[in-house]
């Protein structure tokens, strides 16, 4: 189900009237601890590429439907058993959304980036993908995802909406691939893990390398170019690990079936940035680079 319009109580803070035209870093929010780790990564990315930070809380329609079943029960930590109903479940979700809105506000303010918060209803991955536009980068927690659901969301975001997707696995969301701010301190670049740009031998691969070069300069990280013609996600992930990569940049069109995104993320050991269109950090077509 597509995301519904922003909730009337959603909050937006913009630096100026032109801020809405800037790139957005969009992250799905819930009360899971890993959501906070993904939010920390999103704030770093937004600060590094001078983008707006957008949090999306999805009211899970499957949970709401489940709460309507006559045998649905809630068991508290103390062992108390209570009945469930849709209205009570919705109230609980709204309370969780407000908690995450406050955490988003604090995180964005600490990173000095403009932020917004929206509420959608549907299935988490599909609803998050439905919010994507061509100027957006979606951050998705991939480690706990159903591979097929993840692949479908990646395809919808990158091929249909032409957005970028950053897959963050368990324990690697704040890996140091991004500086805390766009201006890298003198001498700090040596502590930043390299970016691995995947070149599969096509014009899309050249575009991927050009984008990665721009991003690496922006955040002060070294760049490693990995030639991937004839290789699959597991081989690419192994090469990136051997290079000590803190981020893998690959064009989403290189992926094959819906499971490839999950395979690459699971094996990478670092976040994976899937490019949905040919562009550089300013949104303009990227120039090709020589082999």
C-alpha atoms as a PDB file:
ATOM      1  CA  UNK A   1       0.000   0.000   0.000  1.00  0.00           C
ATOM      2  CA  UNK A   2       1.317   3.425  -0.877  1.00  0.00           C
ATOM      3  CA  UNK A   3       2.153   5.810   1.908  1.00  0.00           C
ATOM      4  CA  UNK A   4      -0.654   8.146   2.840  1.00  0.00           C
ATOM      5  CA  UNK A   5      -0.237  11.889   2.977  1.00  0.00           C
ATOM      6  CA  UNK A   6       1.779  13.320   5.872  1.00  0.00           C
ATOM      7  CA  UNK A   7      -0.076  13.269   9.152  1.00  0.00           C
ATOM      8  CA  UNK A   8      -1.507  16.714  10.097  1.00  0.00           C
ATOM      9  CA  UNK A   9       0.605  16.545  13.261  1.00  0.00           C
ATOM     10  CA  UNK A  10       3.807  15.807  11.368  1.00  0.00           C
ATOM     11  CA  UNK A  11       6.556  18.356  11.884  1.00  0.00           C
ATOM     12  CA  UNK A  12       8.908  19.963   9.367  1.00  0.00           C
ATOM     13  CA  UNK A  13      11.782  22.382   9.927  1.00  0.00           C
ATOM     14  CA  UNK A  14      13.427  24.033   6.909  1.00  0.00           C
ATOM     15  CA  UNK A  15      16.391  26.367   6.774  1.00  0.00           C
ATOM     16  CA  UNK A  16      14.860  28.452   3.984  1.00  0.00           C
ATOM     17  CA  UNK A  17      12.327  28.304   1.159  1.00  0.00           C
ATOM     18  CA  UNK A  18      14.799  26.557  -1.161  1.00  0.00           C
ATOM     19  CA  UNK A  19      15.555  23.740   1.304  1.00  0.00           C
ATOM     20  CA  UNK A  20      12.700  21.610  -0.035  1.00  0.00           C
ATOM     21  CA  UNK A  21      14.552  21.297  -3.341  1.00  0.00           C
ATOM     22  CA  UNK A  22      17.565  19.698  -1.710  1.00  0.00           C
ATOM     23  CA  UNK A  23      18.284  15.992  -1.638  1.00  0.00           C
ATOM     24  CA  UNK A  24      16.509  14.087   1.144  1.00  0.00           C
ATOM     25  CA  UNK A  25      17.900  11.239   3.222  1.00  0.00           C
ATOM     26  CA  UNK A  26      14.824   9.160   4.111  1.00  0.00           C
ATOM     27  CA  UNK A  27      14.891   6.606   6.922  1.00  0.00           C
ATOM     28  CA  UNK A  28      12.190   4.317   8.279  1.00  0.00           C
ATOM     29  CA  UNK A  29      11.623   4.663  12.015  1.00  0.00           C
ATOM     30  CA  UNK A  30      10.300   2.405  14.755  1.00  0.00           C
ATOM     31  CA  UNK A  31      11.208   1.790  18.387  1.00  0.00           C
ATOM     32  CA  UNK A  32      13.663  -1.008  17.589  1.00  0.00           C
ATOM     33  CA  UNK A  33      17.205  -0.185  18.724  1.00  0.00           C
ATOM     34  CA  UNK A  34      18.521  -0.856  15.221  1.00  0.00           C
ATOM     35  CA  UNK A  35      16.203   1.854  13.913  1.00  0.00           C
ATOM     36  CA  UNK A  36      18.119   4.316  16.071  1.00  0.00           C
ATOM     37  CA  UNK A  37      21.391   3.022  14.643  1.00  0.00           C
ATOM     38  CA  UNK A  38      20.036   3.539  11.132  1.00  0.00           C
ATOM     39  CA  UNK A  39      18.886   7.027  12.135  1.00  0.00           C
ATOM     40  CA  UNK A  40      22.402   7.852  13.346  1.00  0.00           C
ATOM     41  CA  UNK A  41      23.740   6.748   9.959  1.00  0.00           C
ATOM     42  CA  UNK A  42      21.074   8.791   8.154  1.00  0.00           C
ATOM     43  CA  UNK A  43      22.055  11.909  10.073  1.00  0.00           C
ATOM     44  CA  UNK A  44      25.722  11.384   9.181  1.00  0.00           C
ATOM     45  CA  UNK A  45      24.884  10.934   5.529  1.00  0.00           C
ATOM     46  CA  UNK A  46      22.657  14.015   5.501  1.00  0.00           C
ATOM     47  CA  UNK A  47      25.386  16.113   7.088  1.00  0.00           C
ATOM     48  CA  UNK A  48      28.048  14.769   4.726  1.00  0.00           C
ATOM     49  CA  UNK A  49      26.116  15.496   1.509  1.00  0.00           C
ATOM     50  CA  UNK A  50      24.252  18.563   2.816  1.00  0.00           C
ATOM     51  CA  UNK A  51      20.798  17.003   2.541  1.00  0.00           C
ATOM     52  CA  UNK A  52      17.554  17.153   4.485  1.00  0.00           C
ATOM     53  CA  UNK A  53      16.850  14.325   6.936  1.00  0.00           C
ATOM     54  CA  UNK A  54      13.365  12.800   6.651  1.00  0.00           C
ATOM     55  CA  UNK A  55      12.002  10.194   9.084  1.00  0.00           C
ATOM     56  CA  UNK A  56       9.028   8.020   8.109  1.00  0.00           C
ATOM     57  CA  UNK A  57       7.082   6.069  10.719  1.00  0.00           C
ATOM     58  CA  UNK A  58       4.917   3.330   9.202  1.00  0.00           C
ATOM     59  CA  UNK A  59       1.771   2.198  10.971  1.00  0.00           C
ATOM     60  CA  UNK A  60       2.013  -1.502  10.109  1.00  0.00           C
ATOM     61  CA  UNK A  61      -1.302  -2.567   8.552  1.00  0.00           C
ATOM     62  CA  UNK A  62      -0.567  -6.238   9.280  1.00  0.00           C
ATOM     63  CA  UNK A  63      -0.307  -5.528  13.017  1.00  0.00           C
ATOM     64  CA  UNK A  64      -3.502  -3.497  12.924  1.00  0.00           C
ATOM     65  CA  UNK A  65      -5.308  -6.341  11.149  1.00  0.00           C
ATOM     66  CA  UNK A  66      -3.912  -8.878  13.598  1.00  0.00           C
ATOM     67  CA  UNK A  67      -5.188  -6.887  16.566  1.00  0.00           C
ATOM     68  CA  UNK A  68      -8.745  -7.335  15.266  1.00  0.00           C
ATOM     69  CA  UNK A  69      -8.586 -11.127  15.494  1.00  0.00           C
ATOM     70  CA  UNK A  70     -10.672 -12.546  18.392  1.00  0.00           C
ATOM     71  CA  UNK A  71      -7.776 -14.597  19.786  1.00  0.00           C
ATOM     72  CA  UNK A  72      -5.208 -11.747  19.710  1.00  0.00           C
ATOM     73  CA  UNK A  73      -3.654 -11.136  23.117  1.00  0.00           C
ATOM     74  CA  UNK A  74      -0.856  -8.967  24.531  1.00  0.00           C
ATOM     75  CA  UNK A  75       1.478 -10.405  27.165  1.00  0.00           C
ATOM     76  CA  UNK A  76       3.360  -7.826  29.243  1.00  0.00           C
ATOM     77  CA  UNK A  77       6.822  -8.291  30.734  1.00  0.00           C
ATOM     78  CA  UNK A  78       5.126  -8.960  34.077  1.00  0.00           C
ATOM     79  CA  UNK A  79       3.120 -11.799  32.548  1.00  0.00           C
ATOM     80  CA  UNK A  80      -0.206  -9.958  32.425  1.00  0.00           C
ATOM     81  CA  UNK A  81      -2.414 -11.062  29.527  1.00  0.00           C
ATOM     82  CA  UNK A  82      -4.663  -8.464  27.921  1.00  0.00           C
ATOM     83  CA  UNK A  83      -6.963  -8.431  24.922  1.00  0.00           C
ATOM     84  CA  UNK A  84      -6.096  -6.392  21.858  1.00  0.00           C
ATOM     85  CA  UNK A  85      -8.190  -4.201  19.596  1.00  0.00           C
ATOM     86  CA  UNK A  86      -7.402  -2.032  16.586  1.00  0.00           C
ATOM     87  CA  UNK A  87      -8.047   1.228  18.437  1.00  0.00           C
ATOM     88  CA  UNK A  88      -5.658   0.323  21.243  1.00  0.00           C
ATOM     89  CA  UNK A  89      -3.011  -0.851  18.783  1.00  0.00           C
ATOM     90  CA  UNK A  90      -3.316   2.400  16.845  1.00  0.00           C
ATOM     91  CA  UNK A  91      -2.921   4.438  20.042  1.00  0.00           C
ATOM     92  CA  UNK A  92       0.230   2.461  20.865  1.00  0.00           C
ATOM     93  CA  UNK A  93       1.626   3.103  17.394  1.00  0.00           C
ATOM     94  CA  UNK A  94       0.888   6.805  17.657  1.00  0.00           C
ATOM     95  CA  UNK A  95       2.731   6.937  20.989  1.00  0.00           C
ATOM     96  CA  UNK A  96       5.704   5.158  19.400  1.00  0.00           C
ATOM     97  CA  UNK A  97       5.620   7.596  16.488  1.00  0.00           C
ATOM     98  CA  UNK A  98       5.810  10.564  18.851  1.00  0.00           C
ATOM     99  CA  UNK A  99       8.759   8.992  20.665  1.00  0.00           C
ATOM    100  CA  UNK A 100      10.619   8.539  17.387  1.00  0.00           C
ATOM    101  CA  UNK A 101       9.735  12.061  16.255  1.00  0.00           C
ATOM    102  CA  UNK A 102      11.471  13.458  19.347  1.00  0.00           C
ATOM    103  CA  UNK A 103      14.508  11.220  18.809  1.00  0.00           C
ATOM    104  CA  UNK A 104      14.655  12.311  15.161  1.00  0.00           C
ATOM    105  CA  UNK A 105      14.487  15.973  16.158  1.00  0.00           C
ATOM    106  CA  UNK A 106      17.304  15.580  18.681  1.00  0.00           C
ATOM    107  CA  UNK A 107      19.482  13.597  16.265  1.00  0.00           C
ATOM    108  CA  UNK A 108      18.968  16.074  13.413  1.00  0.00           C
ATOM    109  CA  UNK A 109      19.681  19.056  15.644  1.00  0.00           C
ATOM    110  CA  UNK A 110      22.894  17.437  16.875  1.00  0.00           C
ATOM    111  CA  UNK A 111      23.959  16.899  13.251  1.00  0.00           C
ATOM    112  CA  UNK A 112      22.846  20.438  12.241  1.00  0.00           C
ATOM    113  CA  UNK A 113      20.654  19.249   9.357  1.00  0.00           C
ATOM    114  CA  UNK A 114      17.079  20.249   8.378  1.00  0.00           C
ATOM    115  CA  UNK A 115      14.576  17.508   9.186  1.00  0.00           C
ATOM    116  CA  UNK A 116      11.024  16.348   8.624  1.00  0.00           C
ATOM    117  CA  UNK A 117       8.809  13.616  10.034  1.00  0.00           C
ATOM    118  CA  UNK A 118       5.933  11.858   8.295  1.00  0.00           C
ATOM    119  CA  UNK A 119       3.565   9.009   9.102  1.00  0.00           C
ATOM    120  CA  UNK A 120       2.475   6.398   6.564  1.00  0.00           C
ATOM    121  CA  UNK A 121       0.293   3.309   6.817  1.00  0.00           C
ATOM    122  CA  UNK A 122       0.942   0.028   5.046  1.00  0.00           C
ATOM    123  CA  UNK A 123       3.731  -2.535   4.998  1.00  0.00           C
ATOM    124  CA  UNK A 124       7.024  -1.046   6.228  1.00  0.00           C
ATOM    125  CA  UNK A 125       9.310  -1.634   3.218  1.00  0.00           C
ATOM    126  CA  UNK A 126       6.666  -1.000   0.570  1.00  0.00           C
ATOM    127  CA  UNK A 127       5.441   2.166   2.299  1.00  0.00           C
ATOM    128  CA  UNK A 128       8.970   3.505   2.690  1.00  0.00           C
ATOM    129  CA  UNK A 129       9.721   2.847  -0.983  1.00  0.00           C
ATOM    130  CA  UNK A 130       6.485   4.613  -1.944  1.00  0.00           C
ATOM    131  CA  UNK A 131       7.758   7.848  -0.360  1.00  0.00           C
ATOM    132  CA  UNK A 132      10.831   7.914  -2.594  1.00  0.00           C
ATOM    133  CA  UNK A 133      11.568  10.490  -5.276  1.00  0.00           C
ATOM    134  CA  UNK A 134      14.444  10.910  -7.693  1.00  0.00           C
ATOM    135  CA  UNK A 135      16.267  13.288  -5.321  1.00  0.00           C
ATOM    136  CA  UNK A 136      16.024  10.910  -2.360  1.00  0.00           C
ATOM    137  CA  UNK A 137      18.271   8.332  -0.729  1.00  0.00           C
ATOM    138  CA  UNK A 138      16.394   5.723   1.299  1.00  0.00           C
ATOM    139  CA  UNK A 139      18.148   4.091   4.228  1.00  0.00           C
ATOM    140  CA  UNK A 140      16.832   0.576   4.876  1.00  0.00           C
ATOM    141  CA  UNK A 141      17.818  -1.780   7.692  1.00  0.00           C
ATOM    142  CA  UNK A 142      18.534  -4.894   5.671  1.00  0.00           C
ATOM    143  CA  UNK A 143      19.760  -7.390   8.264  1.00  0.00           C
ATOM    144  CA  UNK A 144      16.325  -8.390   9.609  1.00  0.00           C
ATOM    145  CA  UNK A 145      14.443  -8.121   6.313  1.00  0.00           C
ATOM    146  CA  UNK A 146      12.798 -10.849   4.311  1.00  0.00           C
ATOM    147  CA  UNK A 147      15.084 -11.001   1.239  1.00  0.00           C
ATOM    148  CA  UNK A 148      12.211 -10.958  -1.234  1.00  0.00           C
ATOM    149  CA  UNK A 149      10.428  -8.045   0.473  1.00  0.00           C
ATOM    150  CA  UNK A 150      13.710  -6.153   0.597  1.00  0.00           C
ATOM    151  CA  UNK A 151      14.399  -6.804  -3.071  1.00  0.00           C
ATOM    152  CA  UNK A 152      10.959  -5.628  -4.125  1.00  0.00           C
ATOM    153  CA  UNK A 153      11.341  -2.408  -2.121  1.00  0.00           C
ATOM    154  CA  UNK A 154      14.772  -1.788  -3.632  1.00  0.00           C
ATOM    155  CA  UNK A 155      13.412  -2.349  -7.128  1.00  0.00           C
ATOM    156  CA  UNK A 156      10.463  -0.021  -6.552  1.00  0.00           C
ATOM    157  CA  UNK A 157      12.704   2.722  -5.161  1.00  0.00           C
ATOM    158  CA  UNK A 158      15.614   2.474  -7.601  1.00  0.00           C
ATOM    159  CA  UNK A 159      13.975   1.444 -10.875  1.00  0.00           C
ATOM    160  CA  UNK A 160      10.543   3.021 -10.577  1.00  0.00           C
ATOM    161  CA  UNK A 161      11.216   6.144  -8.490  1.00  0.00           C
ATOM    162  CA  UNK A 162      14.902   6.445  -9.567  1.00  0.00           C
ATOM    163  CA  UNK A 163      15.921   7.012  -5.957  1.00  0.00           C
ATOM    164  CA  UNK A 164      19.080   5.707  -4.288  1.00  0.00           C
ATOM    165  CA  UNK A 165      18.946   3.104  -1.508  1.00  0.00           C
ATOM    166  CA  UNK A 166      21.474   2.676   1.295  1.00  0.00           C
ATOM    167  CA  UNK A 167      21.298  -0.792   2.863  1.00  0.00           C
ATOM    168  CA  UNK A 168      22.537  -0.850   6.459  1.00  0.00           C
ATOM    169  CA  UNK A 169      23.244  -4.256   7.992  1.00  0.00           C
ATOM    170  CA  UNK A 170      23.413  -5.248  11.643  1.00  0.00           C
ATOM    171  CA  UNK A 171      26.248  -3.568  13.529  1.00  0.00           C
ATOM    172  CA  UNK A 172      27.618  -1.657  10.543  1.00  0.00           C
ATOM    173  CA  UNK A 173      25.284   1.322  10.375  1.00  0.00           C
ATOM    174  CA  UNK A 174      27.731   3.743  11.993  1.00  0.00           C
ATOM    175  CA  UNK A 175      30.859   2.162  10.548  1.00  0.00           C
ATOM    176  CA  UNK A 176      32.769   5.387  10.010  1.00  0.00           C
ATOM    177  CA  UNK A 177      32.206   5.539   6.263  1.00  0.00           C
ATOM    178  CA  UNK A 178      30.847   9.063   6.717  1.00  0.00           C
ATOM    179  CA  UNK A 179      32.365  12.029   8.491  1.00  0.00           C
ATOM    180  CA  UNK A 180      30.254  13.709  11.159  1.00  0.00           C
ATOM    181  CA  UNK A 181      30.050  16.858   9.028  1.00  0.00           C
ATOM    182  CA  UNK A 182      30.771  17.890   5.422  1.00  0.00           C
ATOM    183  CA  UNK A 183      34.061  19.501   6.422  1.00  0.00           C
ATOM    184  CA  UNK A 184      36.588  16.780   7.260  1.00  0.00           C
ATOM    185  CA  UNK A 185      39.126  17.858   9.869  1.00  0.00           C
ATOM    186  CA  UNK A 186      42.785  18.053   8.877  1.00  0.00           C
ATOM    187  CA  UNK A 187      44.438  14.664   9.306  1.00  0.00           C
ATOM    188  CA  UNK A 188      41.167  12.844  10.068  1.00  0.00           C
ATOM    189  CA  UNK A 189      40.795  11.254   6.642  1.00  0.00           C
ATOM    190  CA  UNK A 190      43.217   8.432   7.502  1.00  0.00           C
ATOM    191  CA  UNK A 191      40.732   7.089  10.059  1.00  0.00           C
ATOM    192  CA  UNK A 192      37.912   6.853   7.502  1.00  0.00           C
ATOM    193  CA  UNK A 193      37.457   3.523   5.774  1.00  0.00           C
ATOM    194  CA  UNK A 194      37.596   3.612   1.963  1.00  0.00           C
ATOM    195  CA  UNK A 195      34.648   3.687  -0.417  1.00  0.00           C
ATOM    196  CA  UNK A 196      34.475   0.749  -2.809  1.00  0.00           C
ATOM    197  CA  UNK A 197      33.048   1.649  -6.247  1.00  0.00           C
ATOM    198  CA  UNK A 198      31.772  -1.317  -8.256  1.00  0.00           C
ATOM    199  CA  UNK A 199      32.571  -1.159 -11.985  1.00  0.00           C
ATOM    200  CA  UNK A 200      30.944  -4.001 -13.925  1.00  0.00           C
ATOM    201  CA  UNK A 201      32.275  -2.721 -17.247  1.00  0.00           C
ATOM    202  CA  UNK A 202      29.261  -0.753 -18.495  1.00  0.00           C
ATOM    203  CA  UNK A 203      28.469   2.949 -18.748  1.00  0.00           C
ATOM    204  CA  UNK A 204      26.513   2.523 -15.519  1.00  0.00           C
ATOM    205  CA  UNK A 205      29.678   1.246 -13.885  1.00  0.00           C
ATOM    206  CA  UNK A 206      31.556   4.315 -15.077  1.00  0.00           C
ATOM    207  CA  UNK A 207      28.811   6.512 -13.659  1.00  0.00           C
ATOM    208  CA  UNK A 208      29.010   4.641 -10.382  1.00  0.00           C
ATOM    209  CA  UNK A 209      32.753   5.267 -10.141  1.00  0.00           C
ATOM    210  CA  UNK A 210      32.317   8.962 -10.993  1.00  0.00           C
ATOM    211  CA  UNK A 211      29.671   9.350  -8.298  1.00  0.00           C
ATOM    212  CA  UNK A 212      31.805   7.477  -5.757  1.00  0.00           C
ATOM    213  CA  UNK A 213      34.809   9.696  -6.563  1.00  0.00           C
ATOM    214  CA  UNK A 214      32.724  12.797  -5.863  1.00  0.00           C
ATOM    215  CA  UNK A 215      31.332  11.334  -2.647  1.00  0.00           C
ATOM    216  CA  UNK A 216      34.780  10.202  -1.483  1.00  0.00           C
ATOM    217  CA  UNK A 217      36.169  13.719  -1.986  1.00  0.00           C
ATOM    218  CA  UNK A 218      33.199  15.189  -0.150  1.00  0.00           C
ATOM    219  CA  UNK A 219      33.709  13.070   2.965  1.00  0.00           C
ATOM    220  CA  UNK A 220      37.502  12.831   2.762  1.00  0.00           C
ATOM    221  CA  UNK A 221      37.672   9.067   2.238  1.00  0.00           C
ATOM    222  CA  UNK A 222      39.980   7.050  -0.044  1.00  0.00           C
ATOM    223  CA  UNK A 223      38.411   5.284  -3.040  1.00  0.00           C
ATOM    224  CA  UNK A 224      38.854   1.676  -4.169  1.00  0.00           C
ATOM    225  CA  UNK A 225      37.638   0.680  -7.635  1.00  0.00           C
ATOM    226  CA  UNK A 226      36.470  -2.942  -7.877  1.00  0.00           C
ATOM    227  CA  UNK A 227      36.048  -4.481 -11.330  1.00  0.00           C
ATOM    228  CA  UNK A 228      33.079  -6.832 -11.208  1.00  0.00           C
ATOM    229  CA  UNK A 229      32.469  -8.024 -14.770  1.00  0.00           C
ATOM    230  CA  UNK A 230      31.386 -11.673 -14.607  1.00  0.00           C
ATOM    231  CA  UNK A 231      31.181 -11.724 -10.807  1.00  0.00           C
ATOM    232  CA  UNK A 232      28.204 -11.980  -8.479  1.00  0.00           C
ATOM    233  CA  UNK A 233      27.215 -10.231  -5.214  1.00  0.00           C
ATOM    234  CA  UNK A 234      29.190 -12.636  -2.983  1.00  0.00           C
ATOM    235  CA  UNK A 235      32.402 -12.087  -4.978  1.00  0.00           C
ATOM    236  CA  UNK A 236      31.965  -8.316  -4.911  1.00  0.00           C
ATOM    237  CA  UNK A 237      31.291  -8.363  -1.172  1.00  0.00           C
ATOM    238  CA  UNK A 238      34.445 -10.423  -0.573  1.00  0.00           C
ATOM    239  CA  UNK A 239      36.567  -8.003  -2.611  1.00  0.00           C
ATOM    240  CA  UNK A 240      35.126  -5.039  -0.701  1.00  0.00           C
ATOM    241  CA  UNK A 241      35.846  -6.698   2.645  1.00  0.00           C
ATOM    242  CA  UNK A 242      39.421  -7.378   1.565  1.00  0.00           C
ATOM    243  CA  UNK A 243      39.744  -3.677   0.692  1.00  0.00           C
ATOM    244  CA  UNK A 244      38.501  -2.723   4.172  1.00  0.00           C
ATOM    245  CA  UNK A 245      35.602  -0.811   2.648  1.00  0.00           C
ATOM    246  CA  UNK A 246      33.355   1.273   4.868  1.00  0.00           C
ATOM    247  CA  UNK A 247      30.828   1.730   2.057  1.00  0.00           C
ATOM    248  CA  UNK A 248      30.112  -0.072  -1.218  1.00  0.00           C
ATOM    249  CA  UNK A 249      28.700   2.016  -4.081  1.00  0.00           C
ATOM    250  CA  UNK A 250      27.042   0.063  -6.905  1.00  0.00           C
ATOM    251  CA  UNK A 251      24.490   0.846  -9.580  1.00  0.00           C
ATOM    252  CA  UNK A 252      21.186  -0.851  -8.744  1.00  0.00           C
ATOM    253  CA  UNK A 253      20.720  -1.968 -12.371  1.00  0.00           C
ATOM    254  CA  UNK A 254      23.639  -4.381 -11.855  1.00  0.00           C
ATOM    255  CA  UNK A 255      21.536  -6.460  -9.459  1.00  0.00           C
ATOM    256  CA  UNK A 256      19.799  -9.487 -10.901  1.00  0.00           C
ATOM    257  CA  UNK A 257      16.875 -11.096  -9.055  1.00  0.00           C
ATOM    258  CA  UNK A 258      15.095  -9.732  -6.000  1.00  0.00           C
ATOM    259  CA  UNK A 259      17.374 -11.645  -3.611  1.00  0.00           C
ATOM    260  CA  UNK A 260      20.617 -10.048  -4.835  1.00  0.00           C
ATOM    261  CA  UNK A 261      20.258  -6.902  -2.712  1.00  0.00           C
ATOM    262  CA  UNK A 262      19.904  -8.969   0.462  1.00  0.00           C
ATOM    263  CA  UNK A 263      22.812 -11.246  -0.532  1.00  0.00           C
ATOM    264  CA  UNK A 264      25.125  -8.312  -1.151  1.00  0.00           C
ATOM    265  CA  UNK A 265      24.154  -6.537   2.069  1.00  0.00           C
ATOM    266  CA  UNK A 266      24.491  -9.669   4.204  1.00  0.00           C
ATOM    267  CA  UNK A 267      27.967 -10.475   2.889  1.00  0.00           C
ATOM    268  CA  UNK A 268      29.364  -6.938   2.672  1.00  0.00           C
ATOM    269  CA  UNK A 269      30.137  -6.128   6.304  1.00  0.00           C
ATOM    270  CA  UNK A 270      29.438  -2.456   5.585  1.00  0.00           C
ATOM    271  CA  UNK A 271      26.595  -0.309   4.221  1.00  0.00           C
ATOM    272  CA  UNK A 272      25.775  -0.679   0.518  1.00  0.00           C
ATOM    273  CA  UNK A 273      24.677   2.323  -1.561  1.00  0.00           C
ATOM    274  CA  UNK A 274      22.577   1.343  -4.587  1.00  0.00           C
ATOM    275  CA  UNK A 275      22.337   4.107  -7.196  1.00  0.00           C
ATOM    276  CA  UNK A 276      18.950   4.407  -8.860  1.00  0.00           C
ATOM    277  CA  UNK A 277      19.901   6.842 -11.615  1.00  0.00           C
ATOM    278  CA  UNK A 278      22.897   8.442 -13.307  1.00  0.00           C
ATOM    279  CA  UNK A 279      23.797  11.525 -11.338  1.00  0.00           C
ATOM    280  CA  UNK A 280      26.423  13.114  -9.162  1.00  0.00           C
ATOM    281  CA  UNK A 281      25.951  14.745  -5.748  1.00  0.00           C
ATOM    282  CA  UNK A 282      24.366  17.806  -7.331  1.00  0.00           C
ATOM    283  CA  UNK A 283      21.769  15.735  -9.188  1.00  0.00           C
ATOM    284  CA  UNK A 284      23.318  16.452 -12.608  1.00  0.00           C
ATOM    285  CA  UNK A 285      24.415  13.689 -15.031  1.00  0.00           C
ATOM    286  CA  UNK A 286      27.790  12.359 -14.019  1.00  0.00           C
ATOM    287  CA  UNK A 287      30.770  12.612 -16.361  1.00  0.00           C
ATOM    288  CA  UNK A 288      32.451   9.373 -17.382  1.00  0.00           C
ATOM    289  CA  UNK A 289      35.917   8.526 -16.148  1.00  0.00           C
ATOM    290  CA  UNK A 290      38.682   6.735 -18.002  1.00  0.00           C
ATOM    291  CA  UNK A 291      39.522   3.147 -17.044  1.00  0.00           C
END
